[in-house]
N, C-alpha and C. Protein backbone atom coordinates (compact mmCIF):
# COMPACT_ATOMS: atom_id res chain seq x y z
N UNK A 1 0.76 -0.81 0.11
CA UNK A 1 0.07 0.15 -0.02
C UNK A 1 1.00 1.53 0.10
N UNK A 2 0.65 2.16 -1.00
CA UNK A 2 1.33 3.32 -0.67
C UNK A 2 1.22 4.28 0.51
N UNK A 3 1.26 5.75 0.01
CA UNK A 3 1.61 6.90 1.50
C UNK A 3 0.77 7.40 0.74
N UNK A 4 0.17 8.53 0.81
CA UNK A 4 -0.42 9.34 0.81
C UNK A 4 0.18 11.22 1.45
N UNK A 5 0.79 11.96 1.41
CA UNK A 5 1.25 13.16 1.47
C UNK A 5 0.65 14.24 1.81
N UNK A 6 1.27 15.02 2.95
CA UNK A 6 0.27 16.08 2.41
C UNK A 6 1.85 17.18 2.17
N UNK A 7 1.53 18.08 1.46
CA UNK A 7 2.26 19.06 0.78
C UNK A 7 1.75 21.18 1.02
N UNK A 8 2.31 21.64 1.94
CA UNK A 8 1.73 22.52 2.27
C UNK A 8 2.53 23.68 2.29
N UNK A 9 2.31 24.72 2.06
CA UNK A 9 3.64 26.47 1.05
C UNK A 9 3.33 26.20 0.02
N UNK A 10 3.05 25.64 -1.12
CA UNK A 10 3.48 25.45 -2.51
C UNK A 10 3.16 27.17 -2.93
N UNK A 11 4.17 27.74 -4.36
CA UNK A 11 3.79 28.49 -4.93
C UNK A 11 2.64 28.61 -5.69
N UNK A 12 1.95 29.53 -5.46
CA UNK A 12 1.17 29.66 -6.45
C UNK A 12 0.62 29.87 -7.84
N UNK A 13 2.24 28.73 -8.23
CA UNK A 13 2.55 28.90 -10.12
C UNK A 13 2.55 27.67 -9.69
N UNK A 14 2.79 27.16 -9.03
CA UNK A 14 3.18 25.48 -8.56
C UNK A 14 2.23 24.62 -9.92
N UNK A 15 2.61 24.32 -10.12
CA UNK A 15 1.70 22.95 -10.95
C UNK A 15 2.58 21.27 -10.54
N UNK A 16 1.15 20.61 -11.73
CA UNK A 16 1.20 19.55 -10.98
C UNK A 16 2.73 18.28 -11.36
N UNK A 17 2.74 18.97 -12.57
CA UNK A 17 4.69 18.85 -13.05
C UNK A 17 5.26 18.48 -12.58
N UNK A 18 5.84 20.09 -11.90
CA UNK A 18 6.91 20.27 -10.74
C UNK A 18 7.05 19.25 -9.36
N UNK A 19 5.54 19.08 -8.90
CA UNK A 19 5.53 18.33 -8.40
C UNK A 19 5.53 16.77 -7.85
N UNK A 20 5.34 16.34 -9.36
CA UNK A 20 5.76 15.33 -9.69
C UNK A 20 7.79 15.03 -9.95
N UNK A 21 8.07 15.91 -9.96
CA UNK A 21 9.69 16.06 -10.56
C UNK A 21 9.98 16.16 -9.00
N UNK A 22 9.98 16.86 -7.83
CA UNK A 22 10.06 17.41 -6.81
C UNK A 22 10.11 15.89 -6.34
N UNK A 23 9.09 14.89 -6.18
CA UNK A 23 8.62 13.76 -5.65
C UNK A 23 9.48 12.76 -5.82
N UNK A 24 9.66 12.71 -7.35
CA UNK A 24 10.30 11.79 -8.28
C UNK A 24 11.97 11.34 -8.10
N UNK A 25 12.53 12.26 -6.94
CA UNK A 25 13.61 11.89 -6.83
C UNK A 25 13.93 11.24 -5.74
N UNK A 26 12.45 10.67 -5.12
CA UNK A 26 12.89 9.86 -3.82
C UNK A 26 11.79 8.69 -3.43
N UNK A 27 11.82 8.49 -4.98
CA UNK A 27 10.71 7.58 -4.64
C UNK A 27 10.11 7.29 -5.59
N UNK A 28 8.68 6.12 -6.32
CA UNK A 28 8.00 6.41 -7.67
C UNK A 28 6.35 7.37 -6.81
N UNK A 29 6.36 7.90 -8.01
CA UNK A 29 5.17 8.96 -7.45
C UNK A 29 4.11 8.36 -8.31
N UNK A 30 2.52 7.70 -7.80
CA UNK A 30 1.60 7.25 -8.45
C UNK A 30 0.96 8.85 -8.48
N UNK A 31 0.48 9.77 -8.02
CA UNK A 31 0.50 10.87 -8.71
C UNK A 31 0.46 12.34 -7.50
N UNK A 32 0.01 12.59 -8.28
CA UNK A 32 0.40 14.51 -7.89
C UNK A 32 -0.53 15.36 -8.00
N UNK A 33 -1.54 15.85 -6.91
CA UNK A 33 -2.47 17.20 -7.09
C UNK A 33 -1.77 18.56 -6.37
N UNK A 34 -1.95 19.32 -6.84
CA UNK A 34 -2.63 20.83 -6.76
C UNK A 34 -4.41 20.87 -6.46
N UNK A 35 -4.30 21.26 -5.32
CA UNK A 35 -5.25 21.57 -5.63
C UNK A 35 -6.09 23.29 -5.84
N UNK A 36 -7.08 23.22 -6.37
CA UNK A 36 -6.49 24.90 -6.93
C UNK A 36 -8.39 25.47 -6.04
N UNK A 37 -8.75 26.21 -6.20
CA UNK A 37 -10.00 27.17 -6.18
C UNK A 37 -11.20 26.62 -7.00
N UNK A 38 -12.24 26.79 -6.64
CA UNK A 38 -13.28 25.85 -7.40
C UNK A 38 -14.01 27.57 -8.66
N UNK A 39 -13.72 28.42 -8.05
CA UNK A 39 -13.85 29.73 -9.00
C UNK A 39 -13.61 30.65 -9.65
N UNK A 40 -11.96 30.74 -9.34
CA UNK A 40 -10.90 31.04 -9.78
C UNK A 40 -9.68 30.11 -11.10
N UNK A 41 -9.44 29.12 -10.24
CA UNK A 41 -8.35 27.82 -10.79
C UNK A 41 -7.66 28.61 -10.27
N UNK A 42 -7.30 29.08 -9.21
CA UNK A 42 -5.87 29.83 -8.73
C UNK A 42 -5.60 28.58 -7.53
N UNK A 43 -3.88 28.21 -7.70
CA UNK A 43 -4.21 27.79 -6.70
C UNK A 43 -4.42 27.67 -5.75
N UNK A 44 -4.20 26.72 -4.41
CA UNK A 44 -4.82 27.47 -3.34
C UNK A 44 -3.31 27.18 -2.24
N UNK A 45 -2.26 26.45 -2.77
CA UNK A 45 -0.76 27.06 -1.86
C UNK A 45 -1.39 25.50 -1.70
N UNK A 46 -1.05 24.11 -1.26
CA UNK A 46 -1.11 23.12 -1.23
C UNK A 46 -1.91 21.99 -1.86
N UNK A 47 -0.65 20.55 -2.23
CA UNK A 47 -1.08 18.88 -2.71
C UNK A 47 -0.89 18.32 -2.13
N UNK A 48 -1.59 17.03 -2.67
CA UNK A 48 -1.29 15.85 -2.44
C UNK A 48 -0.32 15.31 -3.37
N UNK A 49 0.63 14.65 -2.70
CA UNK A 49 0.97 13.53 -3.25
C UNK A 49 1.06 11.82 -3.34
N UNK A 50 0.90 11.16 -3.48
CA UNK A 50 1.18 9.61 -3.41
C UNK A 50 1.86 8.71 -4.15
N UNK A 51 2.10 8.70 -3.13
CA UNK A 51 4.10 7.66 -2.98
C UNK A 51 4.07 6.06 -3.41
N UNK A 52 4.34 5.57 -4.05
CA UNK A 52 4.15 3.61 -4.31
C UNK A 52 4.58 3.14 -3.13
N UNK A 53 5.00 3.60 -1.96
CA UNK A 53 5.22 2.94 -1.04
C UNK A 53 5.41 4.12 0.37
N UNK A 54 5.29 2.60 1.61
CA UNK A 54 5.08 4.15 2.52
C UNK A 54 7.18 4.56 2.94
N UNK A 55 7.61 3.49 1.72
CA UNK A 55 9.01 3.89 2.97
C UNK A 55 9.18 5.42 2.47
N UNK A 56 9.59 5.15 0.80
CA UNK A 56 9.18 6.32 -0.28
C UNK A 56 8.67 7.54 0.24
N UNK A 57 7.12 7.15 0.77
CA UNK A 57 7.14 8.00 1.51
C UNK A 57 7.35 8.89 2.94
N UNK A 58 7.89 8.44 3.43
CA UNK A 58 8.69 9.20 4.77
C UNK A 58 10.15 9.50 4.57
N UNK A 59 10.49 8.17 2.96
CA UNK A 59 12.14 9.46 2.50
C UNK A 59 11.70 10.63 2.10
N UNK A 60 10.68 10.87 1.32
CA UNK A 60 10.15 12.06 0.76
C UNK A 60 10.28 12.96 1.38
N UNK A 61 9.40 12.66 2.72
CA UNK A 61 9.02 13.87 4.25
C UNK A 61 10.43 14.11 4.38
N UNK A 62 11.39 12.47 4.61
CA UNK A 62 12.56 13.29 5.54
C UNK A 62 13.29 14.23 5.10
N UNK A 63 13.50 14.25 3.40
CA UNK A 63 14.31 14.68 2.53
C UNK A 63 13.41 16.55 2.06
N UNK A 64 12.06 16.95 2.35
CA UNK A 64 11.02 17.63 1.65
C UNK A 64 11.29 18.81 2.79
N UNK A 65 10.59 18.14 4.18
CA UNK A 65 9.78 18.75 4.47
C UNK A 65 11.08 20.17 5.21
N UNK A 66 10.45 21.27 5.30
CA UNK A 66 11.44 22.20 5.61
C UNK A 66 12.24 23.34 4.32
N UNK A 67 12.31 22.42 3.30
CA UNK A 67 13.08 22.49 2.51
C UNK A 67 12.22 24.21 1.07
N UNK A 68 12.67 24.57 0.49
CA UNK A 68 12.00 25.33 0.08
C UNK A 68 12.00 25.58 -1.38
N UNK A 69 10.59 25.80 -1.75
CA UNK A 69 10.17 25.37 -3.70
C UNK A 69 10.05 27.00 -3.89
N UNK A 70 11.22 27.36 -5.25
CA UNK A 70 10.83 29.01 -5.16
C UNK A 70 9.94 30.43 -4.21
N UNK A 71 10.81 29.81 -3.32
CA UNK A 71 11.30 30.77 -1.91
C UNK A 71 10.33 30.59 -0.92
N UNK A 72 9.63 29.60 -0.93
CA UNK A 72 9.14 29.27 0.21
C UNK A 72 8.87 28.03 0.72
N UNK A 73 8.71 27.62 2.10
CA UNK A 73 9.17 27.14 2.25
C UNK A 73 8.07 25.78 2.30
N UNK A 74 8.31 24.18 2.76
CA UNK A 74 7.58 23.41 2.59
C UNK A 74 7.27 22.62 3.79
N UNK A 75 5.48 22.35 3.28
CA UNK A 75 5.42 21.20 4.80
C UNK A 75 5.18 19.82 4.18
N UNK A 76 5.86 19.14 4.15
CA UNK A 76 5.23 17.80 3.64
C UNK A 76 4.74 16.68 4.90
N UNK A 77 4.09 16.08 4.86
CA UNK A 77 3.88 14.98 6.13
C UNK A 77 2.91 14.43 6.16
N UNK A 78 2.49 12.71 6.36
CA UNK A 78 0.90 12.04 6.12
C UNK A 78 -0.11 13.00 5.97
N UNK A 79 -0.91 13.06 5.11
CA UNK A 79 -2.41 13.62 4.83
C UNK A 79 -2.88 12.76 5.99
N UNK A 80 -3.84 13.36 6.28
CA UNK A 80 -5.03 12.46 7.46
C UNK A 80 -5.70 12.28 6.90
N UNK A 81 -6.42 10.74 6.63
CA UNK A 81 -8.27 10.80 6.46
C UNK A 81 -9.49 11.80 6.79
N UNK A 82 -9.94 12.15 5.24
CA UNK A 82 -10.67 13.10 4.54
C UNK A 82 -12.05 13.32 6.26
N UNK A 83 -12.36 14.79 7.20
CA UNK A 83 -13.30 13.65 7.72
C UNK A 83 -14.69 13.98 6.33
N UNK A 84 -15.42 13.09 7.19
CA UNK A 84 -17.01 13.33 6.79
C UNK A 84 -17.66 15.29 6.36
N UNK A 85 -18.36 15.35 5.58
CA UNK A 85 -19.17 16.39 5.61
C UNK A 85 -20.10 15.85 5.91
N UNK A 86 -21.14 16.85 6.28
CA UNK A 86 -22.46 17.19 6.68
C UNK A 86 -23.61 17.75 5.76
N UNK A 87 -24.49 17.38 5.58
CA UNK A 87 -25.26 17.86 5.08
C UNK A 87 -25.21 19.19 3.88
N UNK A 88 -26.48 19.98 3.59
CA UNK A 88 -25.92 20.87 2.74
C UNK A 88 -26.33 22.06 3.12
N UNK A 89 -25.87 23.04 2.54
CA UNK A 89 -25.90 24.44 3.71
C UNK A 89 -27.51 24.63 3.39
N UNK A 90 -27.53 25.95 3.88
CA UNK A 90 -28.78 27.00 4.65
C UNK A 90 -29.32 26.25 5.45
N UNK A 91 -30.15 26.10 6.52
CA UNK A 91 -30.89 26.67 7.60
C UNK A 91 -32.46 27.05 7.28
N UNK A 92 -32.71 28.18 7.58
CA UNK A 92 -33.76 28.11 7.01
C UNK A 92 -35.13 28.02 7.94
N UNK A 93 -34.73 27.42 8.74
CA UNK A 93 -35.35 27.14 10.17
C UNK A 93 -37.10 26.55 9.62
N UNK A 94 -36.90 26.22 8.03
CA UNK A 94 -37.74 25.93 8.03
C UNK A 94 -39.32 26.31 7.35
N UNK A 95 -39.20 26.60 7.72
CA UNK A 95 -39.35 28.39 6.49
C UNK A 95 -39.69 28.10 5.15
N UNK A 96 -40.81 28.77 4.24
CA UNK A 96 -40.32 29.16 3.09
C UNK A 96 -40.24 30.95 3.07
N UNK A 97 -39.90 31.34 1.86
CA UNK A 97 -39.66 32.04 1.81
C UNK A 97 -41.27 32.98 1.79
N UNK A 98 -42.25 32.67 1.72
CA UNK A 98 -43.02 33.07 1.16
C UNK A 98 -44.02 33.10 2.71
N UNK A 99 -43.88 32.68 3.58
CA UNK A 99 -44.42 31.97 4.52
C UNK A 99 -43.99 33.22 6.21
N UNK A 100 -45.10 34.20 6.01
CA UNK A 100 -44.77 35.09 7.34
C UNK A 100 -45.80 34.60 8.27
N UNK A 101 -46.45 33.20 8.28
CA UNK A 101 -46.76 33.35 9.87
C UNK A 101 -47.87 34.33 10.28
N UNK A 102 -48.14 35.12 11.11
CA UNK A 102 -49.05 35.37 11.73
C UNK A 102 -49.15 37.44 11.33
N UNK A 103 -47.03 37.48 10.80
CA UNK A 103 -47.69 37.93 10.25
C UNK A 103 -48.01 39.09 8.94
N UNK A 104 -48.53 40.23 9.14
CA UNK A 104 -49.26 41.02 7.75
C UNK A 104 -48.00 41.67 6.63
N UNK A 105 -47.70 41.26 5.90
CA UNK A 105 -47.20 41.79 4.92
C UNK A 105 -46.96 43.36 4.67
N UNK A 106 -48.44 43.85 5.00
CA UNK A 106 -48.46 44.95 4.60
C UNK A 106 -48.33 45.51 5.81
């Protein structure tokens, strides 16, 4: 089983290809993903890299955590599992927009 790593402090111009190249020096990169804002498409400054084995993941953490990429210090550690998200937005207290209760509109 592989190792999923969190990479923080990425330059906003960083690409997935650059991330792959950076981590490939420490083992086989299964995937590399730079997280982007869904509205602007700009990098959010962090990403995830999956290495082929736990050993390669640990080697990458040891070698790259605290180093710099384009002048920004990188934070590299094991990724934590994503927490389950609940429900969709909004509340409203069970009232519709046209339900004014006992109040008069006028």
